[in-house]
Amino acid sequence: MIAKDGRKREITSANTETIFRIIQSIPSPKAELFKRWLAKVGYERIQEIENPELAARRMRAIYKAKGYSDAWIEKRMRGIEVRETLTSEWKNRGVKEGREYSILTAEISKATFGMTPSEYQKLKGLSRENLRDHMSDLELIFTMLGEASTTEIAKNKDARGFIENKMAAQAGGAVAGKARKDLEIKSGKKVSTSKNYLPNKQNNKLK
């Protein structure tokens, strides 16, 4: 791997799953606390698979603990539902998960906000953090509008494959983009800003 000095050096590394496996294999009693935590998380995951409503409750509790308002949390949860509906539609219409999903998402974002998600992250000074967790109420609303509009257009046009769904994504994002521009003209204020929803730096680190 490339080290700080710019040279490639042999480095011992592991992904998250492998680290958990290493923890599970440690015989020391000091690792027992981590093992219990892993068992608890695994059990909770099984519960969520059996009852998805539990996952939503836990997610709400996590956002609440980070300092988000109830109103923001409801918008965020609704946005997740809108996103899942869109990706389900893409899957049924022959769009491939991964790269094609990312491209279509970028098209919606460009038409809605005038920038891709990666450009949006730079605007907010983010690196690996979840962009939507740092959006304001209005930013979330227009994100939802762009994705919900894309879903509706794809269904009504019976878009098939990547190319047709890309056109639907551009059209859906344009609907949200037009509404955003109208609001900005009438309110005299930009919707997209460099500000994060939680101004407290400690909270932003937690995200």
Protein backbone atom coordinates (compact mmCIF):
# COMPACT_ATOMS: atom_id res chain seq x y z
CA MET A 1 0.00 0.00 0.00
CA ILE A 2 1.08 3.62 -0.49
CA ALA A 3 2.53 4.93 2.79
CA LYS A 4 2.72 8.54 4.00
CA ASP A 5 6.07 9.01 2.30
CA GLY A 6 4.48 8.19 -1.05
CA ARG A 7 6.22 4.83 -1.44
CA LYS A 8 4.57 1.43 -1.61
CA ARG A 9 5.23 -0.63 1.50
CA GLU A 10 4.03 -3.95 2.88
CA ILE A 11 1.33 -3.21 5.46
CA THR A 12 -0.70 -5.59 7.59
CA SER A 13 -4.34 -4.64 7.09
CA ALA A 14 -7.85 -6.05 7.28
CA ASN A 15 -11.39 -5.09 6.35
CA THR A 16 -14.16 -4.80 8.94
CA GLU A 17 -15.39 -8.39 8.56
CA THR A 18 -11.87 -9.80 8.97
CA ILE A 19 -11.24 -7.66 12.06
CA PHE A 20 -14.39 -9.07 13.63
CA ARG A 21 -13.22 -12.61 12.81
CA ILE A 22 -9.87 -11.86 14.46
CA ILE A 23 -11.64 -10.61 17.59
CA GLN A 24 -13.72 -13.78 17.71
CA SER A 25 -10.56 -15.92 17.57
CA ILE A 26 -8.73 -14.14 20.42
CA PRO A 27 -8.57 -16.51 23.43
CA SER A 28 -7.84 -13.78 25.98
CA PRO A 29 -10.60 -12.96 28.54
CA LYS A 30 -9.99 -9.30 27.68
CA ALA A 31 -11.69 -9.89 24.33
CA GLU A 32 -14.84 -11.24 25.95
CA LEU A 33 -16.50 -7.81 26.07
CA PHE A 34 -16.07 -7.39 22.30
CA LYS A 35 -17.31 -10.93 21.66
CA ARG A 36 -20.46 -10.26 23.67
CA TRP A 37 -21.01 -7.05 21.72
CA LEU A 38 -20.65 -8.89 18.41
CA ALA A 39 -23.11 -11.54 19.59
CA LYS A 40 -25.58 -8.83 20.62
CA VAL A 41 -25.28 -7.03 17.28
CA GLY A 42 -25.73 -10.32 15.42
CA TYR A 43 -28.82 -11.14 17.45
CA GLU A 44 -30.28 -7.69 16.80
CA ARG A 45 -29.63 -8.12 13.07
CA ILE A 46 -31.56 -11.41 13.07
CA GLN A 47 -34.41 -9.68 14.90
CA GLU A 48 -34.47 -6.93 12.26
CA ILE A 49 -34.62 -9.49 9.45
CA GLU A 50 -37.63 -11.11 11.12
CA ASN A 51 -39.22 -7.75 11.95
CA PRO A 52 -37.97 -4.81 9.76
CA GLU A 53 -39.86 -2.35 11.96
CA LEU A 54 -37.24 -2.92 14.67
CA ALA A 55 -34.52 -1.66 12.30
CA ALA A 56 -36.48 1.56 11.75
CA ARG A 57 -36.90 2.05 15.50
CA ARG A 58 -33.19 1.55 16.15
CA MET A 59 -32.30 3.93 13.36
CA ARG A 60 -34.56 6.60 14.82
CA ALA A 61 -32.96 6.08 18.24
CA ILE A 62 -29.45 6.44 16.77
CA TYR A 63 -30.32 9.71 15.00
CA LYS A 64 -32.02 11.00 18.15
CA ALA A 65 -28.91 10.25 20.21
CA LYS A 66 -26.80 12.23 17.73
CA GLY A 67 -28.95 15.31 18.27
CA TYR A 68 -31.28 15.32 15.26
CA SER A 69 -34.79 16.70 15.68
CA ASP A 70 -37.87 14.49 15.37
CA ALA A 71 -38.97 16.42 12.27
CA TRP A 72 -35.61 15.85 10.56
CA ILE A 73 -35.62 12.17 11.49
CA GLU A 74 -39.04 11.66 9.93
CA LYS A 75 -37.85 13.27 6.68
CA ARG A 76 -34.71 11.14 6.69
CA MET A 77 -36.70 7.96 7.27
CA ARG A 78 -39.15 8.90 4.54
CA GLY A 79 -36.22 9.61 2.23
CA ILE A 80 -34.88 6.11 2.85
CA GLU A 81 -38.26 4.64 1.85
CA VAL A 82 -38.33 6.77 -1.33
CA ARG A 83 -34.80 5.64 -2.19
CA GLU A 84 -35.63 1.97 -1.63
CA THR A 85 -38.70 2.29 -3.85
CA LEU A 86 -36.54 3.81 -6.60
CA THR A 87 -33.79 1.18 -6.42
CA SER A 88 -36.41 -1.58 -6.39
CA GLU A 89 -37.87 -0.06 -9.57
CA TRP A 90 -34.42 0.10 -11.15
CA LYS A 91 -33.78 -3.55 -10.33
CA ASN A 92 -37.08 -4.61 -11.88
CA ARG A 93 -36.27 -2.56 -15.00
CA GLY A 94 -32.91 -4.13 -15.73
CA VAL A 95 -30.55 -1.59 -14.16
CA LYS A 96 -27.46 -3.22 -12.64
CA GLU A 97 -26.62 -2.59 -9.00
CA GLY A 98 -23.39 -0.81 -8.21
CA ARG A 99 -21.93 1.37 -10.96
CA GLU A 100 -25.18 1.91 -12.89
CA TYR A 101 -27.07 2.82 -9.70
CA SER A 102 -24.31 5.33 -8.87
CA ILE A 103 -24.45 6.89 -12.34
CA LEU A 104 -28.24 7.27 -12.24
CA THR A 105 -28.07 8.72 -8.72
CA ALA A 106 -25.49 11.24 -9.93
CA GLU A 107 -27.77 12.20 -12.84
CA ILE A 108 -30.67 12.88 -10.48
CA SER A 109 -28.43 14.91 -8.17
CA LYS A 110 -26.95 16.97 -11.05
CA ALA A 111 -30.41 17.83 -12.35
CA THR A 112 -31.75 18.56 -8.85
CA PHE A 113 -28.87 20.49 -7.28
CA GLY A 114 -26.49 21.20 -10.15
CA MET A 115 -23.82 18.88 -8.75
CA THR A 116 -23.07 15.20 -8.28
CA PRO A 117 -23.07 13.58 -4.82
CA SER A 118 -19.25 13.64 -4.72
CA GLU A 119 -19.25 17.36 -5.58
CA TYR A 120 -21.90 17.90 -2.93
CA GLN A 121 -19.71 16.15 -0.36
CA LYS A 122 -16.83 18.48 -1.21
CA LEU A 123 -19.14 21.47 -0.79
CA LYS A 124 -19.95 20.31 2.74
CA GLY A 125 -16.38 19.32 3.55
CA LEU A 126 -17.20 15.63 3.87
CA SER A 127 -15.05 12.64 3.01
CA ARG A 128 -16.59 9.24 3.75
CA GLU A 129 -19.57 10.47 5.75
CA ASN A 130 -23.10 9.87 4.51
CA LEU A 131 -24.09 13.01 2.56
CA ARG A 132 -27.80 12.74 3.38
CA ASP A 133 -27.08 12.64 7.12
CA HIS A 134 -25.63 16.14 6.73
CA MET A 135 -28.45 17.64 4.66
CA SER A 136 -30.91 20.23 5.89
CA ASP A 137 -34.67 19.66 5.82
CA LEU A 138 -35.00 21.35 2.42
CA GLU A 139 -32.07 19.47 0.93
CA LEU A 140 -33.68 16.20 2.00
CA ILE A 141 -37.05 17.27 0.61
CA PHE A 142 -35.65 18.09 -2.83
CA THR A 143 -33.62 14.87 -2.83
CA MET A 144 -36.84 12.96 -2.19
CA LEU A 145 -38.68 14.91 -4.89
CA GLY A 146 -36.00 14.10 -7.47
CA GLU A 147 -36.01 10.39 -6.66
CA ALA A 148 -39.79 10.09 -6.32
CA SER A 149 -40.24 11.90 -9.65
CA THR A 150 -37.72 9.57 -11.29
CA THR A 151 -39.63 6.55 -10.02
CA GLU A 152 -42.92 7.91 -11.34
CA ILE A 153 -41.49 8.79 -14.76
CA ALA A 154 -39.76 5.40 -15.10
CA LYS A 155 -43.02 3.62 -14.31
CA ASN A 156 -45.20 5.76 -16.58
CA LYS A 157 -42.71 5.62 -19.47
CA ASP A 158 -42.03 1.93 -18.79
CA ALA A 159 -38.30 2.65 -18.97
CA ARG A 160 -36.21 -0.45 -19.63
CA GLY A 161 -32.48 -0.86 -19.24
CA PHE A 162 -29.80 1.63 -18.28
CA ILE A 163 -30.17 4.16 -21.13
CA GLU A 164 -33.93 4.65 -20.79
CA ASN A 165 -33.69 4.86 -17.00
CA LYS A 166 -30.89 7.41 -17.33
CA MET A 167 -33.27 9.60 -19.32
CA ALA A 168 -35.93 9.09 -16.61
CA ALA A 169 -33.37 10.04 -13.95
CA GLN A 170 -32.48 13.25 -15.77
CA ALA A 171 -36.16 14.11 -16.20
CA GLY A 172 -37.01 13.29 -12.59
CA GLY A 173 -34.12 15.35 -11.31
CA ALA A 174 -35.17 18.23 -13.58
CA VAL A 175 -38.59 18.31 -11.91
CA ALA A 176 -36.93 18.78 -8.51
CA GLY A 177 -34.35 21.16 -9.96
CA LYS A 178 -37.02 23.46 -11.36
CA ALA A 179 -38.86 23.48 -8.03
CA ARG A 180 -35.60 24.24 -6.20
CA LYS A 181 -34.76 27.16 -8.49
CA ASP A 182 -38.28 28.59 -8.14
CA LEU A 183 -37.99 28.45 -4.35
CA GLU A 184 -34.55 30.08 -4.40
CA ILE A 185 -35.84 32.92 -6.57
CA LYS A 186 -38.87 33.53 -4.39
CA SER A 187 -37.08 33.09 -1.04
CA GLY A 188 -33.83 34.76 -2.06
CA LYS A 189 -31.89 31.96 -0.36
CA LYS A 190 -29.89 29.01 -1.68
CA VAL A 191 -31.13 25.51 -0.84
CA SER A 192 -27.72 23.84 -1.20
CA THR A 193 -25.15 25.15 1.28
CA SER A 194 -21.84 24.14 2.81
CA LYS A 195 -23.50 23.92 6.22
CA ASN A 196 -24.16 20.58 7.87
CA TYR A 197 -27.47 19.91 9.61
CA LEU A 198 -25.72 19.49 12.95
CA PRO A 199 -23.33 22.41 13.47
CA ASN A 200 -21.69 20.75 16.50
CA LYS A 201 -18.36 19.30 15.31
CA GLN A 202 -18.45 16.49 17.83
CA ASN A 203 -21.80 15.32 16.48
CA ASN A 204 -20.46 15.48 12.93
CA LYS A 205 -17.53 13.27 13.93
CA LEU A 206 -19.97 10.70 15.30
CA LYS A 207 -21.66 10.50 11.92
